PDB file of N, CA and C in Angstrom:
ATOM      1  N   MET A   1     129.767 129.624  68.560  1.00  0.00           N
ATOM      2  CA  MET A   1     128.600 130.298  69.098  1.00  0.00           C
ATOM      3  C   MET A   1     128.053 131.266  68.078  1.00  0.00           C
ATOM      4  N   LYS A   2     126.715 131.315  67.987  1.00  0.00           N
ATOM      5  CA  LYS A   2     126.072 132.254  67.046  1.00  0.00           C
ATOM      6  C   LYS A   2     126.260 133.692  67.461  1.00  0.00           C
ATOM      7  N   LYS A   3     126.395 134.551  66.509  1.00  0.00           N
ATOM      8  CA  LYS A   3     126.493 135.979  66.725  1.00  0.00           C
ATOM      9  C   LYS A   3     125.062 136.543  66.866  1.00  0.00           C
ATOM     10  N   PHE A   4     124.983 137.659  67.588  1.00  0.00           N
ATOM     11  CA  PHE A   4     123.689 138.299  67.821  1.00  0.00           C
ATOM     12  C   PHE A   4     122.972 138.622  66.525  1.00  0.00           C
ATOM     13  N   ASP A   5     123.714 139.163  65.548  1.00  0.00           N
ATOM     14  CA  ASP A   5     123.055 139.565  64.285  1.00  0.00           C
ATOM     15  C   ASP A   5     122.468 138.323  63.565  1.00  0.00           C
ATOM     16  N   GLU A   6     123.144 137.204  63.668  1.00  0.00           N
ATOM     17  CA  GLU A   6     122.612 135.964  63.080  1.00  0.00           C
ATOM     18  C   GLU A   6     121.315 135.539  63.772  1.00  0.00           C
ATOM     19  N   LEU A   7     121.349 135.618  65.118  1.00  0.00           N
ATOM     20  CA  LEU A   7     120.196 135.252  65.899  1.00  0.00           C
ATOM     21  C   LEU A   7     118.948 136.095  65.544  1.00  0.00           C
ATOM     22  N   MET A   8     119.195 137.378  65.361  1.00  0.00           N
ATOM     23  CA  MET A   8     118.083 138.285  65.126  1.00  0.00           C
ATOM     24  C   MET A   8     117.555 138.243  63.679  1.00  0.00           C
ATOM     25  N   LYS A   9     118.188 137.449  62.832  1.00  0.00           N
ATOM     26  CA  LYS A   9     117.708 137.294  61.449  1.00  0.00           C
ATOM     27  C   LYS A   9     116.336 136.653  61.411  1.00  0.00           C
ATOM     28  N   VAL A  10     115.887 136.020  62.527  1.00  0.00           N
ATOM     29  CA  VAL A  10     114.537 135.455  62.574  1.00  0.00           C
ATOM     30  C   VAL A  10     113.513 136.552  62.357  1.00  0.00           C
ATOM     31  N   SER A  11     113.891 137.802  62.530  1.00  0.00           N
ATOM     32  CA  SER A  11     112.984 138.924  62.279  1.00  0.00           C
ATOM     33  C   SER A  11     112.439 138.863  60.854  1.00  0.00           C
ATOM     34  N   ASN A  12     113.200 138.281  59.932  1.00  0.00           N
ATOM     35  CA  ASN A  12     112.773 138.156  58.536  1.00  0.00           C
ATOM     36  C   ASN A  12     111.761 137.038  58.341  1.00  0.00           C
ATOM     37  N   GLU A  13     111.583 136.207  59.362  1.00  0.00           N
ATOM     38  CA  GLU A  13     110.710 135.027  59.250  1.00  0.00           C
ATOM     39  C   GLU A  13     109.386 135.236  59.973  1.00  0.00           C
ATOM     40  N   ILE A  14     109.198 136.396  60.529  1.00  0.00           N
ATOM     41  CA  ILE A  14     107.965 136.680  61.304  1.00  0.00           C
ATOM     42  C   ILE A  14     107.304 137.946  60.730  1.00  0.00           C
ATOM     43  N   THR A  15     106.087 138.209  61.167  1.00  0.00           N
ATOM     44  CA  THR A  15     105.421 139.460  60.803  1.00  0.00           C
ATOM     45  C   THR A  15     105.722 140.501  61.861  1.00  0.00           C
ATOM     46  N   ASN A  16     106.248 141.641  61.462  1.00  0.00           N
ATOM     47  CA  ASN A  16     106.549 142.758  62.327  1.00  0.00           C
ATOM     48  C   ASN A  16     105.586 143.883  62.017  1.00  0.00           C
ATOM     49  N   ILE A  17     105.101 144.553  63.084  1.00  0.00           N
ATOM     50  CA  ILE A  17     104.260 145.722  62.876  1.00  0.00           C
ATOM     51  C   ILE A  17     104.851 146.876  63.669  1.00  0.00           C
ATOM     52  N   SER A  18     104.528 148.058  63.237  1.00  0.00           N
ATOM     53  CA  SER A  18     104.999 149.272  63.902  1.00  0.00           C
ATOM     54  C   SER A  18     104.149 149.554  65.139  1.00  0.00           C
ATOM     55  N   VAL A  19     104.661 150.462  65.975  1.00  0.00           N
ATOM     56  CA  VAL A  19     103.887 150.900  67.157  1.00  0.00           C
ATOM     57  C   VAL A  19     102.600 151.557  66.681  1.00  0.00           C
ATOM     58  N   ASP A  20     102.640 152.359  65.600  1.00  0.00           N
ATOM     59  CA  ASP A  20     101.411 152.990  65.099  1.00  0.00           C
ATOM     60  C   ASP A  20     100.377 151.946  64.688  1.00  0.00           C
ATOM     61  N   GLU A  21     100.805 150.913  64.034  1.00  0.00           N
ATOM     62  CA  GLU A  21      99.866 149.829  63.653  1.00  0.00           C
ATOM     63  C   GLU A  21      99.323 149.121  64.887  1.00  0.00           C
ATOM     64  N   ALA A  22     100.158 148.883  65.860  1.00  0.00           N
ATOM     65  CA  ALA A  22      99.726 148.250  67.089  1.00  0.00           C
ATOM     66  C   ALA A  22      98.743 149.153  67.848  1.00  0.00           C
ATOM     67  N   LYS A  23      99.013 150.464  67.945  1.00  0.00           N
ATOM     68  CA  LYS A  23      98.154 151.377  68.652  1.00  0.00           C
ATOM     69  C   LYS A  23      96.771 151.379  68.026  1.00  0.00           C
ATOM     70  N   ALA A  24      96.694 151.257  66.727  1.00  0.00           N
ATOM     71  CA  ALA A  24      95.403 151.256  66.024  1.00  0.00           C
ATOM     72  C   ALA A  24      94.549 150.001  66.402  1.00  0.00           C
ATOM     73  N   LYS A  25      95.182 148.985  66.944  1.00  0.00           N
ATOM     74  CA  LYS A  25      94.484 147.757  67.309  1.00  0.00           C
ATOM     75  C   LYS A  25      94.248 147.647  68.809  1.00  0.00           C
ATOM     76  N   LEU A  26      94.637 148.673  69.579  1.00  0.00           N
ATOM     77  CA  LEU A  26      94.616 148.611  71.022  1.00  0.00           C
ATOM     78  C   LEU A  26      93.249 148.237  71.602  1.00  0.00           C
ATOM     79  N   ASN A  27      92.168 148.737  71.040  1.00  0.00           N
ATOM     80  CA  ASN A  27      90.856 148.477  71.585  1.00  0.00           C
ATOM     81  C   ASN A  27      90.057 147.427  70.793  1.00  0.00           C
ATOM     82  N   ASP A  28      90.727 146.757  69.914  1.00  0.00           N
ATOM     83  CA  ASP A  28      90.078 145.712  69.089  1.00  0.00           C
ATOM     84  C   ASP A  28      89.892 144.460  69.962  1.00  0.00           C
ATOM     85  N   PRO A  29      88.678 143.985  70.171  1.00  0.00           N
ATOM     86  CA  PRO A  29      88.444 142.819  71.012  1.00  0.00           C
ATOM     87  C   PRO A  29      89.005 141.509  70.478  1.00  0.00           C
ATOM     88  N   ASN A  30      89.352 141.487  69.198  1.00  0.00           N
ATOM     89  CA  ASN A  30      89.958 140.298  68.611  1.00  0.00           C
ATOM     90  C   ASN A  30      91.508 140.331  68.632  1.00  0.00           C
ATOM     91  N   VAL A  31      92.041 141.301  69.355  1.00  0.00           N
ATOM     92  CA  VAL A  31      93.513 141.431  69.460  1.00  0.00           C
ATOM     93  C   VAL A  31      93.902 141.291  70.921  1.00  0.00           C
ATOM     94  N   GLN A  32      94.911 140.474  71.173  1.00  0.00           N
ATOM     95  CA  GLN A  32      95.462 140.321  72.497  1.00  0.00           C
ATOM     96  C   GLN A  32      96.954 140.716  72.501  1.00  0.00           C
ATOM     97  N   PHE A  33      97.309 141.702  73.283  1.00  0.00           N
ATOM     98  CA  PHE A  33      98.729 142.095  73.457  1.00  0.00           C
ATOM     99  C   PHE A  33      99.339 141.113  74.444  1.00  0.00           C
ATOM    100  N   ILE A  34     100.575 140.699  74.163  1.00  0.00           N
ATOM    101  CA  ILE A  34     101.326 139.795  75.021  1.00  0.00           C
ATOM    102  C   ILE A  34     102.671 140.399  75.357  1.00  0.00           C
ATOM    103  N   ASP A  35     102.878 140.628  76.654  1.00  0.00           N
ATOM    104  CA  ASP A  35     104.088 141.225  77.189  1.00  0.00           C
ATOM    105  C   ASP A  35     104.986 140.053  77.635  1.00  0.00           C
ATOM    106  N   VAL A  36     106.141 139.871  76.980  1.00  0.00           N
ATOM    107  CA  VAL A  36     107.014 138.750  77.284  1.00  0.00           C
ATOM    108  C   VAL A  36     108.156 139.131  78.230  1.00  0.00           C
ATOM    109  N   ARG A  37     108.086 140.321  78.813  1.00  0.00           N
ATOM    110  CA  ARG A  37     109.089 140.724  79.791  1.00  0.00           C
ATOM    111  C   ARG A  37     108.851 139.993  81.096  1.00  0.00           C
ATOM    112  N   ASP A  38     109.767 140.139  82.044  1.00  0.00           N
ATOM    113  CA  ASP A  38     109.628 139.534  83.356  1.00  0.00           C
ATOM    114  C   ASP A  38     108.447 140.161  84.109  1.00  0.00           C
ATOM    115  N   LYS A  39     107.948 139.461  85.115  1.00  0.00           N
ATOM    116  CA  LYS A  39     106.776 139.870  85.870  1.00  0.00           C
ATOM    117  C   LYS A  39     106.937 141.236  86.482  1.00  0.00           C
ATOM    118  N   SER A  40     108.120 141.553  86.994  1.00  0.00           N
ATOM    119  CA  SER A  40     108.399 142.847  87.627  1.00  0.00           C
ATOM    120  C   SER A  40     108.191 144.019  86.644  1.00  0.00           C
ATOM    121  N   SER A  41     108.733 143.850  85.430  1.00  0.00           N
ATOM    122  CA  SER A  41     108.583 144.911  84.390  1.00  0.00           C
ATOM    123  C   SER A  41     107.119 145.047  84.010  1.00  0.00           C
ATOM    124  N   PHE A  42     106.449 143.924  83.826  1.00  0.00           N
ATOM    125  CA  PHE A  42     105.017 143.908  83.481  1.00  0.00           C
ATOM    126  C   PHE A  42     104.201 144.639  84.540  1.00  0.00           C
ATOM    127  N   CYS A  43     104.462 144.343  85.821  1.00  0.00           N
ATOM    128  CA  CYS A  43     103.721 144.970  86.909  1.00  0.00           C
ATOM    129  C   CYS A  43     103.979 146.471  87.027  1.00  0.00           C
ATOM    130  N   THR A  44     105.128 146.900  86.576  1.00  0.00           N
ATOM    131  CA  THR A  44     105.494 148.313  86.630  1.00  0.00           C
ATOM    132  C   THR A  44     104.777 149.099  85.560  1.00  0.00           C
ATOM    133  N   GLU A  45     104.674 148.506  84.333  1.00  0.00           N
ATOM    134  CA  GLU A  45     104.123 149.236  83.211  1.00  0.00           C
ATOM    135  C   GLU A  45     103.889 148.269  82.070  1.00  0.00           C
ATOM    136  N   THR A  46     102.729 148.372  81.413  1.00  0.00           N
ATOM    137  CA  THR A  46     102.480 147.534  80.232  1.00  0.00           C
ATOM    138  C   THR A  46     101.549 148.282  79.309  1.00  0.00           C
ATOM    139  N   ILE A  47     101.000 147.577  78.322  1.00  0.00           N
ATOM    140  CA  ILE A  47     100.143 148.184  77.333  1.00  0.00           C
ATOM    141  C   ILE A  47      98.708 147.637  77.437  1.00  0.00           C
ATOM    142  N   GLY A  48      97.751 148.504  77.570  1.00  0.00           N
ATOM    143  CA  GLY A  48      96.342 148.145  77.519  1.00  0.00           C
ATOM    144  C   GLY A  48      95.966 146.856  78.203  1.00  0.00           C
ATOM    145  N   ASN A  49      95.383 145.924  77.480  1.00  0.00           N
ATOM    146  CA  ASN A  49      94.906 144.656  78.011  1.00  0.00           C
ATOM    147  C   ASN A  49      95.944 143.545  78.021  1.00  0.00           C
ATOM    148  N   ALA A  50      97.198 143.933  77.889  1.00  0.00           N
ATOM    149  CA  ALA A  50      98.272 142.917  77.755  1.00  0.00           C
ATOM    150  C   ALA A  50      98.254 141.929  78.909  1.00  0.00           C
ATOM    151  N   ILE A  51      98.586 140.704  78.529  1.00  0.00           N
ATOM    152  CA  ILE A  51      98.826 139.638  79.512  1.00  0.00           C
ATOM    153  C   ILE A  51     100.296 139.363  79.536  1.00  0.00           C
ATOM    154  N   ASN A  52     100.785 138.883  80.649  1.00  0.00           N
ATOM    155  CA  ASN A  52     102.206 138.597  80.818  1.00  0.00           C
ATOM    156  C   ASN A  52     102.477 137.119  80.612  1.00  0.00           C
ATOM    157  N   LEU A  53     103.251 136.817  79.589  1.00  0.00           N
ATOM    158  CA  LEU A  53     103.723 135.460  79.342  1.00  0.00           C
ATOM    159  C   LEU A  53     105.267 135.556  79.214  1.00  0.00           C
ATOM    160  N   GLU A  54     105.944 135.369  80.320  1.00  0.00           N
ATOM    161  CA  GLU A  54     107.387 135.560  80.348  1.00  0.00           C
ATOM    162  C   GLU A  54     108.075 134.683  79.279  1.00  0.00           C
ATOM    163  N   ARG A  55     109.005 135.254  78.597  1.00  0.00           N
ATOM    164  CA  ARG A  55     109.699 134.575  77.510  1.00  0.00           C
ATOM    165  C   ARG A  55     110.289 133.265  77.952  1.00  0.00           C
ATOM    166  N   GLY A  56     110.830 133.175  79.126  1.00  0.00           N
ATOM    167  CA  GLY A  56     111.495 131.974  79.580  1.00  0.00           C
ATOM    168  C   GLY A  56     110.580 130.805  79.780  1.00  0.00           C
ATOM    169  N   LEU A  57     109.254 131.059  79.876  1.00  0.00           N
ATOM    170  CA  LEU A  57     108.281 129.983  80.087  1.00  0.00           C
ATOM    171  C   LEU A  57     107.331 129.830  78.891  1.00  0.00           C
ATOM    172  N   LEU A  58     107.598 130.556  77.826  1.00  0.00           N
ATOM    173  CA  LEU A  58     106.657 130.618  76.690  1.00  0.00           C
ATOM    174  C   LEU A  58     106.243 129.273  76.155  1.00  0.00           C
ATOM    175  N   GLU A  59     107.186 128.371  75.922  1.00  0.00           N
ATOM    176  CA  GLU A  59     106.862 127.054  75.370  1.00  0.00           C
ATOM    177  C   GLU A  59     105.907 126.301  76.320  1.00  0.00           C
ATOM    178  N   PHE A  60     106.096 126.484  77.604  1.00  0.00           N
ATOM    179  CA  PHE A  60     105.234 125.798  78.588  1.00  0.00           C
ATOM    180  C   PHE A  60     103.814 126.346  78.540  1.00  0.00           C
ATOM    181  N   TYR A  61     103.677 127.658  78.245  1.00  0.00           N
ATOM    182  CA  TYR A  61     102.340 128.259  78.166  1.00  0.00           C
ATOM    183  C   TYR A  61     101.616 127.774  76.911  1.00  0.00           C
ATOM    184  N   LEU A  62     102.361 127.425  75.869  1.00  0.00           N
ATOM    185  CA  LEU A  62     101.785 127.061  74.575  1.00  0.00           C
ATOM    186  C   LEU A  62     101.633 125.547  74.299  1.00  0.00           C
ATOM    187  N   ALA A  63     102.438 124.750  74.959  1.00  0.00           N
ATOM    188  CA  ALA A  63     102.461 123.311  74.666  1.00  0.00           C
ATOM    189  C   ALA A  63     101.168 122.642  75.120  1.00  0.00           C
ATOM    190  N   ASP A  64     100.604 121.848  74.205  1.00  0.00           N
ATOM    191  CA  ASP A  64      99.379 121.089  74.505  1.00  0.00           C
ATOM    192  C   ASP A  64      99.685 120.087  75.604  1.00  0.00           C
ATOM    193  N   GLY A  65      98.925 120.134  76.675  1.00  0.00           N
ATOM    194  CA  GLY A  65      99.116 119.205  77.778  1.00  0.00           C
ATOM    195  C   GLY A  65     100.084 119.693  78.841  1.00  0.00           C
ATOM    196  N   SER A  66     100.696 120.821  78.670  1.00  0.00           N
ATOM    197  CA  SER A  66     101.609 121.356  79.696  1.00  0.00           C
ATOM    198  C   SER A  66     100.819 121.775  80.917  1.00  0.00           C
ATOM    199  N   PRO A  67     101.374 121.635  82.120  1.00  0.00           N
ATOM    200  CA  PRO A  67     100.646 122.114  83.298  1.00  0.00           C
ATOM    201  C   PRO A  67     100.454 123.626  83.312  1.00  0.00           C
ATOM    202  N   LEU A  68     101.222 124.359  82.511  1.00  0.00           N
ATOM    203  CA  LEU A  68     101.074 125.830  82.452  1.00  0.00           C
ATOM    204  C   LEU A  68     100.319 126.283  81.204  1.00  0.00           C
ATOM    205  N   GLU A  69      99.781 125.350  80.417  1.00  0.00           N
ATOM    206  CA  GLU A  69      99.139 125.673  79.184  1.00  0.00           C
ATOM    207  C   GLU A  69      98.030 126.737  79.356  1.00  0.00           C
ATOM    208  N   LYS A  70      98.014 127.685  78.482  1.00  0.00           N
ATOM    209  CA  LYS A  70      96.998 128.739  78.457  1.00  0.00           C
ATOM    210  C   LYS A  70      95.926 128.359  77.455  1.00  0.00           C
ATOM    211  N   GLU A  71      94.743 128.073  77.956  1.00  0.00           N
ATOM    212  CA  GLU A  71      93.645 127.622  77.119  1.00  0.00           C
ATOM    213  C   GLU A  71      93.231 128.651  76.097  1.00  0.00           C
ATOM    214  N   MET A  72      93.525 129.924  76.367  1.00  0.00           N
ATOM    215  CA  MET A  72      93.093 130.989  75.455  1.00  0.00           C
ATOM    216  C   MET A  72      93.593 130.765  74.006  1.00  0.00           C
ATOM    217  N   PHE A  73      94.748 130.127  73.865  1.00  0.00           N
ATOM    218  CA  PHE A  73      95.259 129.881  72.517  1.00  0.00           C
ATOM    219  C   PHE A  73      94.443 128.813  71.783  1.00  0.00           C
ATOM    220  N   LYS A  74      93.963 127.833  72.518  1.00  0.00           N
ATOM    221  CA  LYS A  74      93.121 126.801  71.910  1.00  0.00           C
ATOM    222  C   LYS A  74      91.722 127.348  71.632  1.00  0.00           C
ATOM    223  N   ASN A  75      91.210 128.122  72.542  1.00  0.00           N
ATOM    224  CA  ASN A  75      89.819 128.568  72.466  1.00  0.00           C
ATOM    225  C   ASN A  75      89.633 129.753  71.526  1.00  0.00           C
ATOM    226  N   ASN A  76      90.674 130.378  71.092  1.00  0.00           N
ATOM    227  CA  ASN A  76      90.612 131.581  70.224  1.00  0.00           C
ATOM    228  C   ASN A  76      91.531 131.459  69.033  1.00  0.00           C
ATOM    229  N   PRO A  77      91.283 130.494  68.146  1.00  0.00           N
ATOM    230  CA  PRO A  77      92.247 130.261  67.042  1.00  0.00           C
ATOM    231  C   PRO A  77      92.349 131.430  66.069  1.00  0.00           C
ATOM    232  N   ASP A  78      91.330 132.278  66.001  1.00  0.00           N
ATOM    233  CA  ASP A  78      91.349 133.410  65.052  1.00  0.00           C
ATOM    234  C   ASP A  78      91.832 134.695  65.665  1.00  0.00           C
ATOM    235  N   LYS A  79      92.129 134.691  66.946  1.00  0.00           N
ATOM    236  CA  LYS A  79      92.545 135.906  67.639  1.00  0.00           C
ATOM    237  C   LYS A  79      93.923 136.335  67.083  1.00  0.00           C
ATOM    238  N   GLU A  80      94.161 137.621  67.074  1.00  0.00           N
ATOM    239  CA  GLU A  80      95.431 138.169  66.657  1.00  0.00           C
ATOM    240  C   GLU A  80      96.237 138.475  67.927  1.00  0.00           C
ATOM    241  N   TYR A  81      97.501 138.085  67.952  1.00  0.00           N
ATOM    242  CA  TYR A  81      98.365 138.283  69.068  1.00  0.00           C
ATOM    243  C   TYR A  81      99.499 139.217  68.702  1.00  0.00           C
ATOM    244  N   ILE A  82      99.659 140.276  69.498  1.00  0.00           N
ATOM    245  CA  ILE A  82     100.733 141.263  69.279  1.00  0.00           C
ATOM    246  C   ILE A  82     101.717 141.107  70.445  1.00  0.00           C
ATOM    247  N   VAL A  83     102.923 140.730  70.147  1.00  0.00           N
ATOM    248  CA  VAL A  83     103.941 140.441  71.155  1.00  0.00           C
ATOM    249  C   VAL A  83     104.896 141.642  71.281  1.00  0.00           C
ATOM    250  N   PHE A  84     105.246 141.972  72.526  1.00  0.00           N
ATOM    251  CA  PHE A  84     106.210 143.046  72.721  1.00  0.00           C
ATOM    252  C   PHE A  84     107.052 142.780  73.978  1.00  0.00           C
ATOM    253  N   CYS A  85     108.173 143.496  74.053  1.00  0.00           N
ATOM    254  CA  CYS A  85     109.055 143.413  75.223  1.00  0.00           C
ATOM    255  C   CYS A  85     109.564 144.847  75.473  1.00  0.00           C
ATOM    256  N   GLY A  86     110.768 144.946  75.961  1.00  0.00           N
ATOM    257  CA  GLY A  86     111.303 146.261  76.256  1.00  0.00           C
ATOM    258  C   GLY A  86     111.805 147.009  75.034  1.00  0.00           C
ATOM    259  N   LEU A  87     112.627 146.353  74.241  1.00  0.00           N
ATOM    260  CA  LEU A  87     113.222 146.969  73.069  1.00  0.00           C
ATOM    261  C   LEU A  87     112.875 146.278  71.744  1.00  0.00           C
ATOM    262  N   GLY A  88     112.432 145.046  71.806  1.00  0.00           N
ATOM    263  CA  GLY A  88     112.099 144.324  70.593  1.00  0.00           C
ATOM    264  C   GLY A  88     112.811 143.034  70.357  1.00  0.00           C
ATOM    265  N   GLY A  89     113.878 142.761  71.052  1.00  0.00           N
ATOM    266  CA  GLY A  89     114.670 141.543  70.852  1.00  0.00           C
ATOM    267  C   GLY A  89     113.962 140.317  71.365  1.00  0.00           C
ATOM    268  N   GLN A  90     113.536 140.338  72.636  1.00  0.00           N
ATOM    269  CA  GLN A  90     112.842 139.223  73.216  1.00  0.00           C
ATOM    270  C   GLN A  90     111.533 138.904  72.465  1.00  0.00           C
ATOM    271  N   SER A  91     110.827 139.932  72.083  1.00  0.00           N
ATOM    272  CA  SER A  91     109.537 139.730  71.386  1.00  0.00           C
ATOM    273  C   SER A  91     109.772 139.160  69.986  1.00  0.00           C
ATOM    274  N   THR A  92     110.832 139.509  69.354  1.00  0.00           N
ATOM    275  CA  THR A  92     111.170 138.912  68.053  1.00  0.00           C
ATOM    276  C   THR A  92     111.318 137.414  68.199  1.00  0.00           C
ATOM    277  N   LEU A  93     112.133 137.000  69.157  1.00  0.00           N
ATOM    278  CA  LEU A  93     112.347 135.565  69.389  1.00  0.00           C
ATOM    279  C   LEU A  93     111.070 134.894  69.867  1.00  0.00           C
ATOM    280  N   ALA A  94     110.310 135.546  70.730  1.00  0.00           N
ATOM    281  CA  ALA A  94     109.052 134.983  71.233  1.00  0.00           C
ATOM    282  C   ALA A  94     108.027 134.812  70.105  1.00  0.00           C
ATOM    283  N   THR A  95     107.968 135.745  69.185  1.00  0.00           N
ATOM    284  CA  THR A  95     107.030 135.650  68.067  1.00  0.00           C
ATOM    285  C   THR A  95     107.389 134.448  67.197  1.00  0.00           C
ATOM    286  N   LYS A  96     108.692 134.249  66.953  1.00  0.00           N
ATOM    287  CA  LYS A  96     109.154 133.109  66.199  1.00  0.00           C
ATOM    288  C   LYS A  96     108.791 131.773  66.921  1.00  0.00           C
ATOM    289  N   THR A  97     108.983 131.762  68.237  1.00  0.00           N
ATOM    290  CA  THR A  97     108.619 130.607  69.035  1.00  0.00           C
ATOM    291  C   THR A  97     107.134 130.323  68.956  1.00  0.00           C
ATOM    292  N   MET A  98     106.330 131.368  69.049  1.00  0.00           N
ATOM    293  CA  MET A  98     104.874 131.184  68.986  1.00  0.00           C
ATOM    294  C   MET A  98     104.460 130.609  67.637  1.00  0.00           C
ATOM    295  N   GLN A  99     105.078 131.091  66.577  1.00  0.00           N
ATOM    296  CA  GLN A  99     104.805 130.521  65.235  1.00  0.00           C
ATOM    297  C   GLN A  99     105.156 129.037  65.224  1.00  0.00           C
ATOM    298  N   TYR A 100     106.334 128.738  65.718  1.00  0.00           N
ATOM    299  CA  TYR A 100     106.815 127.362  65.765  1.00  0.00           C
ATOM    300  C   TYR A 100     105.864 126.455  66.560  1.00  0.00           C
ATOM    301  N   MET A 101     105.280 127.017  67.622  1.00  0.00           N
ATOM    302  CA  MET A 101     104.399 126.272  68.489  1.00  0.00           C
ATOM    303  C   MET A 101     102.984 126.151  67.944  1.00  0.00           C
ATOM    304  N   GLY A 102     102.741 126.801  66.773  1.00  0.00           N
ATOM    305  CA  GLY A 102     101.437 126.623  66.103  1.00  0.00           C
ATOM    306  C   GLY A 102     100.488 127.797  66.149  1.00  0.00           C
ATOM    307  N   ILE A 103     100.937 128.942  66.709  1.00  0.00           N
ATOM    308  CA  ILE A 103     100.041 130.115  66.747  1.00  0.00           C
ATOM    309  C   ILE A 103     100.152 130.789  65.392  1.00  0.00           C
ATOM    310  N   LYS A 104      99.012 130.982  64.736  1.00  0.00           N
ATOM    311  CA  LYS A 104      99.040 131.449  63.359  1.00  0.00           C
ATOM    312  C   LYS A 104      99.029 132.956  63.197  1.00  0.00           C
ATOM    313  N   ASN A 105      98.287 133.683  63.951  1.00  0.00           N
ATOM    314  CA  ASN A 105      98.138 135.116  63.737  1.00  0.00           C
ATOM    315  C   ASN A 105      98.887 135.876  64.849  1.00  0.00           C
ATOM    316  N   VAL A 106     100.205 135.808  64.798  1.00  0.00           N
ATOM    317  CA  VAL A 106     101.033 136.448  65.804  1.00  0.00           C
ATOM    318  C   VAL A 106     102.009 137.437  65.141  1.00  0.00           C
ATOM    319  N   LYS A 107     102.144 138.597  65.739  1.00  0.00           N
ATOM    320  CA  LYS A 107     102.960 139.681  65.180  1.00  0.00           C
ATOM    321  C   LYS A 107     103.837 140.266  66.265  1.00  0.00           C
ATOM    322  N   ASN A 108     105.010 140.685  65.858  1.00  0.00           N
ATOM    323  CA  ASN A 108     105.949 141.352  66.744  1.00  0.00           C
ATOM    324  C   ASN A 108     105.820 142.864  66.580  1.00  0.00           C
ATOM    325  N   MET A 109     105.708 143.573  67.740  1.00  0.00           N
ATOM    326  CA  MET A 109     105.702 145.013  67.679  1.00  0.00           C
ATOM    327  C   MET A 109     107.153 145.503  67.803  1.00  0.00           C
ATOM    328  N   THR A 110     107.640 146.067  66.719  1.00  0.00           N
ATOM    329  CA  THR A 110     109.039 146.512  66.696  1.00  0.00           C
ATOM    330  C   THR A 110     109.271 147.650  67.680  1.00  0.00           C
ATOM    331  N   GLY A 111     110.393 147.621  68.328  1.00  0.00           N
ATOM    332  CA  GLY A 111     110.797 148.686  69.246  1.00  0.00           C
ATOM    333  C   GLY A 111     110.291 148.539  70.684  1.00  0.00           C
ATOM    334  N   GLY A 112     109.323 147.633  70.880  1.00  0.00           N
ATOM    335  CA  GLY A 112     108.856 147.327  72.231  1.00  0.00           C
ATOM    336  C   GLY A 112     108.272 148.528  73.002  1.00  0.00           C
ATOM    337  N   MET A 113     108.326 148.420  74.338  1.00  0.00           N
ATOM    338  CA  MET A 113     107.783 149.465  75.205  1.00  0.00           C
ATOM    339  C   MET A 113     108.509 150.802  75.016  1.00  0.00           C
ATOM    340  N   THR A 114     109.786 150.720  74.692  1.00  0.00           N
ATOM    341  CA  THR A 114     110.550 151.961  74.483  1.00  0.00           C
ATOM    342  C   THR A 114     109.906 152.757  73.337  1.00  0.00           C
ATOM    343  N   ALA A 115     109.675 152.092  72.205  1.00  0.00           N
ATOM    344  CA  ALA A 115     109.105 152.796  71.063  1.00  0.00           C
ATOM    345  C   ALA A 115     107.642 153.208  71.365  1.00  0.00           C
ATOM    346  N   TRP A 116     106.926 152.378  72.104  1.00  0.00           N
ATOM    347  CA  TRP A 116     105.523 152.707  72.455  1.00  0.00           C
ATOM    348  C   TRP A 116     105.476 154.013  73.277  1.00  0.00           C
ATOM    349  N   LYS A 117     106.345 154.145  74.245  1.00  0.00           N
ATOM    350  CA  LYS A 117     106.364 155.321  75.103  1.00  0.00           C
ATOM    351  C   LYS A 117     106.814 156.556  74.296  1.00  0.00           C
ATOM    352  N   GLU A 118     107.684 156.384  73.344  1.00  0.00           N
ATOM    353  CA  GLU A 118     108.123 157.511  72.522  1.00  0.00           C
ATOM    354  C   GLU A 118     106.995 158.057  71.649  1.00  0.00           C
ATOM    355  N   LYS A 119     106.018 157.228  71.310  1.00  0.00           N
ATOM    356  CA  LYS A 119     104.894 157.632  70.456  1.00  0.00           C
ATOM    357  C   LYS A 119     103.710 158.214  71.186  1.00  0.00           C
ATOM    358  N   LYS A 120     103.777 158.319  72.499  1.00  0.00           N
ATOM    359  CA  LYS A 120     102.672 158.861  73.282  1.00  0.00           C
ATOM    360  C   LYS A 120     102.443 160.299  72.993  1.00  0.00           C
TER     361      LYS A 120
END
């Protein structure tokens, strides 16, 4: 079985941005924040215009022809996507998955909601 540290090495294969960098993009119409936490966490608190794409269903939201496919990814190929979760682990893996699924301009916000709230 893989160790956690090995799993999280995918962080070196994705683009990571800080909370400060993400905050600077909060009102940019070409940026979409994606909250990959569960629906309950999303409904309790999220960031700006974020949409909820739960990590467990992410491939279904992205796969061409899937019944859950989100057209926004096809219709906005130049949009920038900033992915976040609670602490940064799920969003790291989700960002890697999104890259694998063909999303080009996707970034992970390091530290997640915890780091975001600390910067308020």
